[in-house]
Amino acid sequence: MAVIEIYTTPFCGYCARAKKLFQKKGVEYTEIDLMRNPGRRKEMLERSSGRTSVPQIFIDGKSIGGCDELFELDFDDELDPMLGLNS
């Protein structure tokens, strides 16, 4: 199973949407709440090549971008293989 990390903030609709997709697929993820852990924002910026928006999503350490990119991968049937799911 893939290691999924998602940087979020509370009340972010895009964050909620991304987490809901992972839940629907039955995969576990680590959520990094930037409001509760503001020191981790610098880490997110470095890992995402300076992207400031949330969510920022990483699968097996690779930045895939945000919510729109996540749903595009799913639409293109590329997400399940990345997650280690049988299509």
PDB file of N, CA and C in Angstrom:
ATOM      1  N   MET A   1       0.846  -1.187   0.000  1.00  0.00           N
ATOM      2  CA  MET A   1       0.000   0.000   0.000  1.00  0.00           C
ATOM      3  C   MET A   1       0.890   1.249   0.000  1.00  0.00           C
ATOM      4  N   ALA A   2       0.459   2.253  -0.708  1.00  0.00           N
ATOM      5  CA  ALA A   2       1.215   3.490  -0.832  1.00  0.00           C
ATOM      6  C   ALA A   2       1.176   4.293   0.467  1.00  0.00           C
ATOM      7  N   VAL A   3       2.208   5.098   0.654  1.00  0.00           N
ATOM      8  CA  VAL A   3       2.257   6.036   1.780  1.00  0.00           C
ATOM      9  C   VAL A   3       1.722   7.369   1.260  1.00  0.00           C
ATOM     10  N   ILE A   4       0.636   7.832   1.885  1.00  0.00           N
ATOM     11  CA  ILE A   4      -0.025   9.056   1.435  1.00  0.00           C
ATOM     12  C   ILE A   4       0.080  10.099   2.538  1.00  0.00           C
ATOM     13  N   GLU A   5       0.533  11.285   2.165  1.00  0.00           N
ATOM     14  CA  GLU A   5       0.593  12.418   3.092  1.00  0.00           C
ATOM     15  C   GLU A   5      -0.157  13.571   2.447  1.00  0.00           C
ATOM     16  N   ILE A   6      -0.943  14.255   3.263  1.00  0.00           N
ATOM     17  CA  ILE A   6      -1.723  15.375   2.748  1.00  0.00           C
ATOM     18  C   ILE A   6      -1.638  16.540   3.727  1.00  0.00           C
ATOM     19  N   TYR A   7      -1.134  17.669   3.237  1.00  0.00           N
ATOM     20  CA  TYR A   7      -1.064  18.899   4.024  1.00  0.00           C
ATOM     21  C   TYR A   7      -2.393  19.618   3.860  1.00  0.00           C
ATOM     22  N   THR A   8      -2.988  19.975   4.982  1.00  0.00           N
ATOM     23  CA  THR A   8      -4.332  20.561   4.962  1.00  0.00           C
ATOM     24  C   THR A   8      -4.431  21.758   5.910  1.00  0.00           C
ATOM     25  N   THR A   9      -5.564  22.427   5.819  1.00  0.00           N
ATOM     26  CA  THR A   9      -5.988  23.403   6.827  1.00  0.00           C
ATOM     27  C   THR A   9      -7.468  23.139   7.096  1.00  0.00           C
ATOM     28  N   PRO A  10      -7.930  23.516   8.306  1.00  0.00           N
ATOM     29  CA  PRO A  10      -9.353  23.341   8.603  1.00  0.00           C
ATOM     30  C   PRO A  10     -10.212  24.223   7.689  1.00  0.00           C
ATOM     31  N   PHE A  11     -11.409  23.800   7.473  1.00  0.00           N
ATOM     32  CA  PHE A  11     -12.403  24.559   6.697  1.00  0.00           C
ATOM     33  C   PHE A  11     -12.022  24.728   5.232  1.00  0.00           C
ATOM     34  N   CYS A  12     -11.124  23.879   4.749  1.00  0.00           N
ATOM     35  CA  CYS A  12     -10.715  23.901   3.339  1.00  0.00           C
ATOM     36  C   CYS A  12     -11.547  22.866   2.597  1.00  0.00           C
ATOM     37  N   GLY A  13     -12.411  23.327   1.726  1.00  0.00           N
ATOM     38  CA  GLY A  13     -13.273  22.424   0.975  1.00  0.00           C
ATOM     39  C   GLY A  13     -12.503  21.476   0.073  1.00  0.00           C
ATOM     40  N   TYR A  14     -11.429  21.965  -0.534  1.00  0.00           N
ATOM     41  CA  TYR A  14     -10.615  21.106  -1.397  1.00  0.00           C
ATOM     42  C   TYR A  14      -9.922  20.019  -0.585  1.00  0.00           C
ATOM     43  N   CYS A  15      -9.471  20.374   0.624  1.00  0.00           N
ATOM     44  CA  CYS A  15      -8.840  19.386   1.511  1.00  0.00           C
ATOM     45  C   CYS A  15      -9.846  18.292   1.869  1.00  0.00           C
ATOM     46  N   ALA A  16     -11.057  18.721   2.228  1.00  0.00           N
ATOM     47  CA  ALA A  16     -12.101  17.769   2.603  1.00  0.00           C
ATOM     48  C   ALA A  16     -12.441  16.852   1.432  1.00  0.00           C
ATOM     49  N   ARG A  17     -12.486  17.405   0.252  1.00  0.00           N
ATOM     50  CA  ARG A  17     -12.811  16.625  -0.944  1.00  0.00           C
ATOM     51  C   ARG A  17     -11.734  15.571  -1.229  1.00  0.00           C
ATOM     52  N   ALA A  18     -10.475  15.959  -1.099  1.00  0.00           N
ATOM     53  CA  ALA A  18      -9.367  15.023  -1.330  1.00  0.00           C
ATOM     54  C   ALA A  18      -9.390  13.902  -0.287  1.00  0.00           C
ATOM     55  N   LYS A  19      -9.591  14.261   0.978  1.00  0.00           N
ATOM     56  CA  LYS A  19      -9.627  13.248   2.038  1.00  0.00           C
ATOM     57  C   LYS A  19     -10.798  12.301   1.835  1.00  0.00           C
ATOM     58  N   LYS A  20     -11.917  12.829   1.377  1.00  0.00           N
ATOM     59  CA  LYS A  20     -13.093  11.986   1.146  1.00  0.00           C
ATOM     60  C   LYS A  20     -12.823  10.968   0.039  1.00  0.00           C
ATOM     61  N   LEU A  21     -12.095  11.367  -0.996  1.00  0.00           N
ATOM     62  CA  LEU A  21     -11.764  10.423  -2.066  1.00  0.00           C
ATOM     63  C   LEU A  21     -10.881   9.297  -1.527  1.00  0.00           C
ATOM     64  N   PHE A  22      -9.892   9.641  -0.719  1.00  0.00           N
ATOM     65  CA  PHE A  22      -9.039   8.602  -0.127  1.00  0.00           C
ATOM     66  C   PHE A  22      -9.858   7.673   0.762  1.00  0.00           C
ATOM     67  N   GLN A  23     -10.774   8.238   1.531  1.00  0.00           N
ATOM     68  CA  GLN A  23     -11.634   7.417   2.396  1.00  0.00           C
ATOM     69  C   GLN A  23     -12.511   6.497   1.564  1.00  0.00           C
ATOM     70  N   LYS A  24     -13.062   7.017   0.473  1.00  0.00           N
ATOM     71  CA  LYS A  24     -13.909   6.216  -0.421  1.00  0.00           C
ATOM     72  C   LYS A  24     -13.132   5.032  -0.993  1.00  0.00           C
ATOM     73  N   LYS A  25     -11.860   5.264  -1.279  1.00  0.00           N
ATOM     74  CA  LYS A  25     -11.015   4.202  -1.821  1.00  0.00           C
ATOM     75  C   LYS A  25     -10.490   3.272  -0.736  1.00  0.00           C
ATOM     76  N   GLY A  26     -10.736   3.624   0.528  1.00  0.00           N
ATOM     77  CA  GLY A  26     -10.338   2.763   1.633  1.00  0.00           C
ATOM     78  C   GLY A  26      -8.848   2.760   1.918  1.00  0.00           C
ATOM     79  N   VAL A  27      -8.176   3.860   1.599  1.00  0.00           N
ATOM     80  CA  VAL A  27      -6.736   3.943   1.852  1.00  0.00           C
ATOM     81  C   VAL A  27      -6.458   4.879   3.029  1.00  0.00           C
ATOM     82  N   GLU A  28      -5.438   4.538   3.777  1.00  0.00           N
ATOM     83  CA  GLU A  28      -5.039   5.364   4.909  1.00  0.00           C
ATOM     84  C   GLU A  28      -4.127   6.471   4.422  1.00  0.00           C
ATOM     85  N   TYR A  29      -4.166   7.586   5.126  1.00  0.00           N
ATOM     86  CA  TYR A  29      -3.302   8.714   4.796  1.00  0.00           C
ATOM     87  C   TYR A  29      -2.918   9.416   6.087  1.00  0.00           C
ATOM     88  N   THR A  30      -1.822  10.131   6.016  1.00  0.00           N
ATOM     89  CA  THR A  30      -1.376  10.948   7.134  1.00  0.00           C
ATOM     90  C   THR A  30      -1.734  12.391   6.810  1.00  0.00           C
ATOM     91  N   GLU A  31      -2.515  12.996   7.691  1.00  0.00           N
ATOM     92  CA  GLU A  31      -2.909  14.391   7.505  1.00  0.00           C
ATOM     93  C   GLU A  31      -2.000  15.281   8.336  1.00  0.00           C
ATOM     94  N   ILE A  32      -1.468  16.304   7.699  1.00  0.00           N
ATOM     95  CA  ILE A  32      -0.633  17.283   8.377  1.00  0.00           C
ATOM     96  C   ILE A  32      -1.398  18.599   8.369  1.00  0.00           C
ATOM     97  N   ASP A  33      -2.003  18.925   9.504  1.00  0.00           N
ATOM     98  CA  ASP A  33      -2.818  20.131   9.656  1.00  0.00           C
ATOM     99  C   ASP A  33      -1.883  21.312   9.891  1.00  0.00           C
ATOM    100  N   LEU A  34      -1.810  22.214   8.921  1.00  0.00           N
ATOM    101  CA  LEU A  34      -0.894  23.342   9.008  1.00  0.00           C
ATOM    102  C   LEU A  34      -1.332  24.395  10.017  1.00  0.00           C
ATOM    103  N   MET A  35      -2.587  24.391  10.412  1.00  0.00           N
ATOM    104  CA  MET A  35      -3.018  25.332  11.438  1.00  0.00           C
ATOM    105  C   MET A  35      -2.515  24.862  12.804  1.00  0.00           C
ATOM    106  N   ARG A  36      -2.582  23.563  13.034  1.00  0.00           N
ATOM    107  CA  ARG A  36      -2.095  23.006  14.308  1.00  0.00           C
ATOM    108  C   ARG A  36      -0.580  22.871  14.330  1.00  0.00           C
ATOM    109  N   ASN A  37       0.021  22.736  13.155  1.00  0.00           N
ATOM    110  CA  ASN A  37       1.469  22.552  13.029  1.00  0.00           C
ATOM    111  C   ASN A  37       2.034  23.572  12.043  1.00  0.00           C
ATOM    112  N   PRO A  38       1.989  24.865  12.378  1.00  0.00           N
ATOM    113  CA  PRO A  38       2.417  25.880  11.412  1.00  0.00           C
ATOM    114  C   PRO A  38       3.881  25.756  10.994  1.00  0.00           C
ATOM    115  N   GLY A  39       4.705  25.152  11.837  1.00  0.00           N
ATOM    116  CA  GLY A  39       6.103  24.960  11.479  1.00  0.00           C
ATOM    117  C   GLY A  39       6.303  24.013  10.310  1.00  0.00           C
ATOM    118  N   ARG A  40       5.300  23.234   9.991  1.00  0.00           N
ATOM    119  CA  ARG A  40       5.407  22.267   8.885  1.00  0.00           C
ATOM    120  C   ARG A  40       5.137  22.905   7.511  1.00  0.00           C
ATOM    121  N   ARG A  41       4.687  24.162   7.514  1.00  0.00           N
ATOM    122  CA  ARG A  41       4.420  24.847   6.237  1.00  0.00           C
ATOM    123  C   ARG A  41       5.700  24.952   5.400  1.00  0.00           C
ATOM    124  N   LYS A  42       6.816  25.289   6.052  1.00  0.00           N
ATOM    125  CA  LYS A  42       8.093  25.394   5.345  1.00  0.00           C
ATOM    126  C   LYS A  42       8.448  24.057   4.699  1.00  0.00           C
ATOM    127  N   GLU A  43       8.213  22.976   5.437  1.00  0.00           N
ATOM    128  CA  GLU A  43       8.451  21.624   4.911  1.00  0.00           C
ATOM    129  C   GLU A  43       7.602  21.387   3.655  1.00  0.00           C
ATOM    130  N   MET A  44       6.324  21.769   3.723  1.00  0.00           N
ATOM    131  CA  MET A  44       5.427  21.595   2.581  1.00  0.00           C
ATOM    132  C   MET A  44       5.932  22.389   1.380  1.00  0.00           C
ATOM    133  N   LEU A  45       6.340  23.627   1.612  1.00  0.00           N
ATOM    134  CA  LEU A  45       6.832  24.468   0.520  1.00  0.00           C
ATOM    135  C   LEU A  45       8.060  23.853  -0.142  1.00  0.00           C
ATOM    136  N   GLU A  46       8.963  23.318   0.666  1.00  0.00           N
ATOM    137  CA  GLU A  46      10.172  22.700   0.113  1.00  0.00           C
ATOM    138  C   GLU A  46       9.830  21.445  -0.675  1.00  0.00           C
ATOM    139  N   ARG A  47       8.950  20.632  -0.143  1.00  0.00           N
ATOM    140  CA  ARG A  47       8.598  19.370  -0.799  1.00  0.00           C
ATOM    141  C   ARG A  47       7.799  19.587  -2.077  1.00  0.00           C
ATOM    142  N   SER A  48       7.013  20.666  -2.119  1.00  0.00           N
ATOM    143  CA  SER A  48       6.121  20.901  -3.256  1.00  0.00           C
ATOM    144  C   SER A  48       6.670  21.922  -4.249  1.00  0.00           C
ATOM    145  N   SER A  49       7.956  22.217  -4.148  1.00  0.00           N
ATOM    146  CA  SER A  49       8.598  23.203  -5.041  1.00  0.00           C
ATOM    147  C   SER A  49       7.953  24.573  -4.946  1.00  0.00           C
ATOM    148  N   GLY A  50       7.588  24.970  -3.731  1.00  0.00           N
ATOM    149  CA  GLY A  50       7.072  26.316  -3.499  1.00  0.00           C
ATOM    150  C   GLY A  50       5.577  26.498  -3.608  1.00  0.00           C
ATOM    151  N   ARG A  51       4.831  25.441  -3.811  1.00  0.00           N
ATOM    152  CA  ARG A  51       3.364  25.573  -3.906  1.00  0.00           C
ATOM    153  C   ARG A  51       2.816  25.930  -2.530  1.00  0.00           C
ATOM    154  N   THR A  52       1.983  26.952  -2.476  1.00  0.00           N
ATOM    155  CA  THR A  52       1.478  27.461  -1.199  1.00  0.00           C
ATOM    156  C   THR A  52       0.050  27.038  -0.887  1.00  0.00           C
ATOM    157  N   SER A  53      -0.672  26.562  -1.883  1.00  0.00           N
ATOM    158  CA  SER A  53      -2.077  26.210  -1.667  1.00  0.00           C
ATOM    159  C   SER A  53      -2.205  24.846  -0.996  1.00  0.00           C
ATOM    160  N   VAL A  54      -3.318  24.649  -0.336  1.00  0.00           N
ATOM    161  CA  VAL A  54      -3.630  23.343   0.246  1.00  0.00           C
ATOM    162  C   VAL A  54      -4.882  22.813  -0.427  1.00  0.00           C
ATOM    163  N   PRO A  55      -5.015  21.510  -0.508  1.00  0.00           N
ATOM    164  CA  PRO A  55      -4.068  20.522  -0.011  1.00  0.00           C
ATOM    165  C   PRO A  55      -2.857  20.387  -0.925  1.00  0.00           C
ATOM    166  N   GLN A  56      -1.782  19.908  -0.340  1.00  0.00           N
ATOM    167  CA  GLN A  56      -0.636  19.423  -1.108  1.00  0.00           C
ATOM    168  C   GLN A  56      -0.542  17.941  -0.779  1.00  0.00           C
ATOM    169  N   ILE A  57      -0.546  17.121  -1.807  1.00  0.00           N
ATOM    170  CA  ILE A  57      -0.662  15.675  -1.634  1.00  0.00           C
ATOM    171  C   ILE A  57       0.601  14.988  -2.152  1.00  0.00           C
ATOM    172  N   PHE A  58       1.070  14.025  -1.359  1.00  0.00           N
ATOM    173  CA  PHE A  58       2.254  13.254  -1.705  1.00  0.00           C
ATOM    174  C   PHE A  58       1.911  11.773  -1.630  1.00  0.00           C
ATOM    175  N   ILE A  59       2.277  11.050  -2.658  1.00  0.00           N
ATOM    176  CA  ILE A  59       2.080   9.598  -2.691  1.00  0.00           C
ATOM    177  C   ILE A  59       3.457   8.973  -2.847  1.00  0.00           C
ATOM    178  N   ASP A  60       3.825   8.182  -1.856  1.00  0.00           N
ATOM    179  CA  ASP A  60       5.164   7.573  -1.810  1.00  0.00           C
ATOM    180  C   ASP A  60       6.257   8.625  -1.987  1.00  0.00           C
ATOM    181  N   GLY A  61       6.057   9.767  -1.328  1.00  0.00           N
ATOM    182  CA  GLY A  61       7.054  10.830  -1.341  1.00  0.00           C
ATOM    183  C   GLY A  61       7.036  11.727  -2.558  1.00  0.00           C
ATOM    184  N   LYS A  62       6.229  11.380  -3.551  1.00  0.00           N
ATOM    185  CA  LYS A  62       6.166  12.161  -4.795  1.00  0.00           C
ATOM    186  C   LYS A  62       5.008  13.155  -4.723  1.00  0.00           C
ATOM    187  N   SER A  63       5.303  14.406  -5.023  1.00  0.00           N
ATOM    188  CA  SER A  63       4.265  15.437  -5.048  1.00  0.00           C
ATOM    189  C   SER A  63       3.373  15.207  -6.248  1.00  0.00           C
ATOM    190  N   ILE A  64       2.064  15.107  -5.977  1.00  0.00           N
ATOM    191  CA  ILE A  64       1.133  14.988  -7.103  1.00  0.00           C
ATOM    192  C   ILE A  64       0.321  16.271  -7.271  1.00  0.00           C
ATOM    193  N   GLY A  65       0.509  17.228  -6.370  1.00  0.00           N
ATOM    194  CA  GLY A  65      -0.203  18.494  -6.466  1.00  0.00           C
ATOM    195  C   GLY A  65      -1.337  18.568  -5.474  1.00  0.00           C
ATOM    196  N   GLY A  66      -2.416  19.196  -5.912  1.00  0.00           N
ATOM    197  CA  GLY A  66      -3.557  19.415  -5.036  1.00  0.00           C
ATOM    198  C   GLY A  66      -4.767  18.585  -5.406  1.00  0.00           C
ATOM    199  N   CYS A  67      -5.915  19.058  -5.003  1.00  0.00           N
ATOM    200  CA  CYS A  67      -7.171  18.336  -5.195  1.00  0.00           C
ATOM    201  C   CYS A  67      -7.490  18.122  -6.675  1.00  0.00           C
ATOM    202  N   ASP A  68      -7.322  19.161  -7.479  1.00  0.00           N
ATOM    203  CA  ASP A  68      -7.644  19.029  -8.904  1.00  0.00           C
ATOM    204  C   ASP A  68      -6.779  17.966  -9.568  1.00  0.00           C
ATOM    205  N   GLU A  69      -5.503  17.965  -9.250  1.00  0.00           N
ATOM    206  CA  GLU A  69      -4.600  16.976  -9.825  1.00  0.00           C
ATOM    207  C   GLU A  69      -4.949  15.567  -9.341  1.00  0.00           C
ATOM    208  N   LEU A  70      -5.342  15.450  -8.077  1.00  0.00           N
ATOM    209  CA  LEU A  70      -5.746  14.154  -7.526  1.00  0.00           C
ATOM    210  C   LEU A  70      -6.943  13.593  -8.292  1.00  0.00           C
ATOM    211  N   PHE A  71      -7.956  14.417  -8.496  1.00  0.00           N
ATOM    212  CA  PHE A  71      -9.148  13.962  -9.207  1.00  0.00           C
ATOM    213  C   PHE A  71      -8.869  13.704 -10.689  1.00  0.00           C
ATOM    214  N   GLU A  72      -7.929  14.445 -11.261  1.00  0.00           N
ATOM    215  CA  GLU A  72      -7.548  14.185 -12.650  1.00  0.00           C
ATOM    216  C   GLU A  72      -6.881  12.815 -12.765  1.00  0.00           C
ATOM    217  N   LEU A  73      -5.995  12.487 -11.816  1.00  0.00           N
ATOM    218  CA  LEU A  73      -5.374  11.161 -11.808  1.00  0.00           C
ATOM    219  C   LEU A  73      -6.438  10.073 -11.683  1.00  0.00           C
ATOM    220  N   ASP A  74      -7.434  10.307 -10.843  1.00  0.00           N
ATOM    221  CA  ASP A  74      -8.496   9.321 -10.660  1.00  0.00           C
ATOM    222  C   ASP A  74      -9.312   9.178 -11.942  1.00  0.00           C
ATOM    223  N   PHE A  75      -9.659  10.294 -12.551  1.00  0.00           N
ATOM    224  CA  PHE A  75     -10.440  10.280 -13.793  1.00  0.00           C
ATOM    225  C   PHE A  75      -9.703   9.531 -14.908  1.00  0.00           C
ATOM    226  N   ASP A  76      -8.380   9.712 -14.944  1.00  0.00           N
ATOM    227  CA  ASP A  76      -7.557   9.075 -15.981  1.00  0.00           C
ATOM    228  C   ASP A  76      -7.157   7.640 -15.621  1.00  0.00           C
ATOM    229  N   ASP A  77      -7.733   7.108 -14.542  1.00  0.00           N
ATOM    230  CA  ASP A  77      -7.435   5.742 -14.074  1.00  0.00           C
ATOM    231  C   ASP A  77      -5.955   5.531 -13.740  1.00  0.00           C
ATOM    232  N   GLU A  78      -5.298   6.587 -13.296  1.00  0.00           N
ATOM    233  CA  GLU A  78      -3.892   6.501 -12.913  1.00  0.00           C
ATOM    234  C   GLU A  78      -3.716   6.475 -11.393  1.00  0.00           C
ATOM    235  N   LEU A  79      -4.745   6.848 -10.648  1.00  0.00           N
ATOM    236  CA  LEU A  79      -4.614   6.945  -9.197  1.00  0.00           C
ATOM    237  C   LEU A  79      -4.553   5.577  -8.525  1.00  0.00           C
ATOM    238  N   ASP A  80      -5.456   4.673  -8.876  1.00  0.00           N
ATOM    239  CA  ASP A  80      -5.499   3.369  -8.204  1.00  0.00           C
ATOM    240  C   ASP A  80      -4.156   2.633  -8.281  1.00  0.00           C
ATOM    241  N   PRO A  81      -3.492   2.593  -9.452  1.00  0.00           N
ATOM    242  CA  PRO A  81      -2.179   1.932  -9.476  1.00  0.00           C
ATOM    243  C   PRO A  81      -1.157   2.632  -8.565  1.00  0.00           C
ATOM    244  N   MET A  82      -1.223   3.945  -8.483  1.00  0.00           N
ATOM    245  CA  MET A  82      -0.309   4.678  -7.599  1.00  0.00           C
ATOM    246  C   MET A  82      -0.557   4.309  -6.136  1.00  0.00           C
ATOM    247  N   LEU A  83      -1.816   4.038  -5.821  1.00  0.00           N
ATOM    248  CA  LEU A  83      -2.196   3.703  -4.446  1.00  0.00           C
ATOM    249  C   LEU A  83      -1.993   2.236  -4.132  1.00  0.00           C
ATOM    250  N   GLY A  84      -1.666   1.453  -5.140  1.00  0.00           N
ATOM    251  CA  GLY A  84      -1.489   0.013  -4.936  1.00  0.00           C
ATOM    252  C   GLY A  84      -2.805  -0.735  -4.891  1.00  0.00           C
ATOM    253  N   LEU A  85      -3.827  -0.153  -5.528  1.00  0.00           N
ATOM    254  CA  LEU A  85      -5.152  -0.781  -5.577  1.00  0.00           C
ATOM    255  C   LEU A  85      -5.335  -1.503  -6.906  1.00  0.00           C
ATOM    256  N   ASN A  86      -6.068  -2.582  -6.881  1.00  0.00           N
ATOM    257  CA  ASN A  86      -6.402  -3.279  -8.123  1.00  0.00           C
ATOM    258  C   ASN A  86      -7.501  -2.524  -8.827  1.00  0.00           C
ATOM    259  N   SER A  87      -7.304  -2.254 -10.082  1.00  0.00           N
ATOM    260  CA  SER A  87      -8.308  -1.500 -10.856  1.00  0.00           C
ATOM    261  C   SER A  87      -9.434  -2.388 -11.299  1.00  0.00           C
TER     262      SER A  87
END
